[in-house]
Amino acid sequence: MVATHYDYGINEPPMQHAIAEIEALVRSRHPDAVFEVFPSSNVAGVYMRIIVDIDEPDDVTALIIDRVADMQIDDELPLYPVTVRRSRRPSTEPESRNAIPEALPVPIESHDAP
């Protein structure tokens, strides 16, 4: 594989095939996953950020780890997937009926009453 110092073969067919394979594997269980692929600035390789909307991103890592290891060892591809949970923004929807309402101010009663 021909690679420059900066791109680590990111545009070469073997790396593109590996990226597509990992993406297909993840999408088979998490169709809404978002992928960002970019050369690393601190490791000789390519990062593949996998963004999912699930509580345990490690479930995605478990799904792909064996195949990624094969690609790294057998195919000598420096592909490093990193799974992260999509950030959750505050909801703009009305509060649930089960939500605990904020405490209301309690009026101060005068104890000086006759």
Protein backbone atom coordinates (compact mmCIF):
# COMPACT_ATOMS: atom_id res chain seq x y z
CA MET A 1 0.00 0.00 0.00
CA VAL A 2 1.37 3.40 -0.98
CA ALA A 3 0.77 6.03 1.67
CA THR A 4 2.02 9.47 2.36
CA HIS A 5 3.21 10.46 5.81
CA TYR A 6 -0.10 12.23 6.38
CA ASP A 7 -2.89 10.08 4.94
CA TYR A 8 -1.69 6.57 5.93
CA GLY A 9 -3.36 5.06 2.87
CA ILE A 10 -6.81 6.39 3.69
CA ASN A 11 -7.66 6.67 -0.02
CA GLU A 12 -6.12 3.36 -1.08
CA PRO A 13 -8.49 0.49 -2.04
CA PRO A 14 -7.52 -1.85 0.85
CA MET A 15 -8.24 0.85 3.46
CA GLN A 16 -11.43 1.97 1.72
CA HIS A 17 -12.62 -1.66 1.63
CA ALA A 18 -11.83 -2.09 5.35
CA ILE A 19 -13.69 1.12 6.23
CA ALA A 20 -16.72 0.03 4.19
CA GLU A 21 -16.70 -3.42 5.80
CA ILE A 22 -16.64 -2.05 9.35
CA GLU A 23 -19.34 0.48 8.48
CA ALA A 24 -21.58 -2.28 7.03
CA LEU A 25 -21.02 -4.45 10.10
CA VAL A 26 -22.01 -1.64 12.46
CA ARG A 27 -24.99 -0.57 10.34
CA SER A 28 -26.32 -4.14 10.41
CA ARG A 29 -27.22 -3.55 14.09
CA HIS A 30 -27.14 0.24 14.36
CA PRO A 31 -28.48 1.73 11.11
CA ASP A 32 -28.42 5.29 12.48
CA ALA A 33 -24.70 5.23 13.30
CA VAL A 34 -22.63 8.13 12.01
CA PHE A 35 -19.06 7.64 10.81
CA GLU A 36 -16.14 10.05 10.64
CA VAL A 37 -12.89 8.83 9.09
CA PHE A 38 -9.69 10.86 9.26
CA PRO A 39 -5.93 10.39 9.43
CA SER A 40 -4.53 10.49 12.92
CA SER A 41 -2.32 13.36 13.94
CA ASN A 42 -0.62 11.40 16.73
CA VAL A 43 -0.69 7.73 15.65
CA ALA A 44 0.47 6.32 12.32
CA GLY A 45 -2.97 5.33 11.13
CA VAL A 46 -6.54 6.18 10.34
CA TYR A 47 -9.19 6.84 12.96
CA MET A 48 -12.78 5.81 12.36
CA ARG A 49 -15.09 7.52 14.84
CA ILE A 50 -18.36 5.62 15.17
CA ILE A 51 -21.10 7.70 16.78
CA VAL A 52 -24.10 5.77 18.08
CA ASP A 53 -27.21 6.63 20.04
CA ILE A 54 -27.04 3.82 22.57
CA ASP A 55 -26.17 3.74 26.26
CA GLU A 56 -23.28 1.27 25.89
CA PRO A 57 -20.97 2.16 22.98
CA ASP A 58 -18.79 -0.77 24.04
CA ASP A 59 -21.46 -3.04 22.51
CA VAL A 60 -20.42 -1.70 19.09
CA THR A 61 -16.75 -2.23 19.90
CA ALA A 62 -17.49 -5.84 20.86
CA LEU A 63 -19.27 -6.30 17.53
CA ILE A 64 -16.27 -5.21 15.44
CA ILE A 65 -13.16 -5.89 17.55
CA ASP A 66 -12.31 -9.33 16.12
CA ARG A 67 -12.60 -8.17 12.52
CA VAL A 68 -10.61 -5.00 13.21
CA ALA A 69 -7.83 -7.07 14.84
CA ASP A 70 -7.70 -9.30 11.76
CA MET A 71 -7.41 -6.24 9.52
CA GLN A 72 -4.65 -4.76 11.66
CA ILE A 73 -2.63 -7.97 11.96
CA ASP A 74 -3.29 -9.94 8.78
CA ASP A 75 -3.77 -7.05 6.35
CA GLU A 76 -1.44 -4.60 8.16
CA LEU A 77 -4.06 -1.86 7.96
CA PRO A 78 -3.63 0.89 10.57
CA LEU A 79 -7.37 1.38 11.12
CA TYR A 80 -8.43 2.40 14.62
CA PRO A 81 -12.20 2.55 15.23
CA VAL A 82 -13.35 4.50 18.27
CA THR A 83 -16.97 4.20 19.36
CA VAL A 84 -18.63 7.12 21.13
CA ARG A 85 -22.13 7.82 22.32
CA ARG A 86 -23.99 10.61 20.57
CA SER A 87 -24.25 13.61 22.85
CA ARG A 88 -27.71 14.11 24.16
CA ARG A 89 -29.08 17.61 23.97
CA PRO A 90 -31.70 18.81 26.41
CA SER A 91 -35.14 17.89 25.21
CA THR A 92 -37.48 20.61 24.01
CA GLU A 93 -40.47 18.31 24.47
CA PRO A 94 -42.95 18.86 27.31
CA GLU A 95 -42.01 17.21 30.58
CA SER A 96 -43.23 13.72 31.22
CA ARG A 97 -46.19 13.20 33.53
CA ASN A 98 -43.91 11.17 35.77
CA ALA A 99 -41.31 13.91 36.10
CA ILE A 100 -40.90 15.50 39.49
CA PRO A 101 -41.96 19.14 39.23
CA GLU A 102 -39.70 21.85 40.53
CA ALA A 103 -40.54 22.93 44.07
CA LEU A 104 -42.84 25.90 44.15
CA PRO A 105 -42.08 28.78 46.50
CA VAL A 106 -43.95 28.45 49.76
CA PRO A 107 -45.73 31.64 50.85
CA ILE A 108 -44.45 32.99 54.11
CA GLU A 109 -47.21 33.23 56.66
CA SER A 110 -47.11 35.81 59.36
CA HIS A 111 -46.89 34.30 62.83
CA ASP A 112 -47.78 37.61 64.37
CA ALA A 113 -51.49 37.00 63.89
CA PRO A 114 -53.69 37.83 66.92
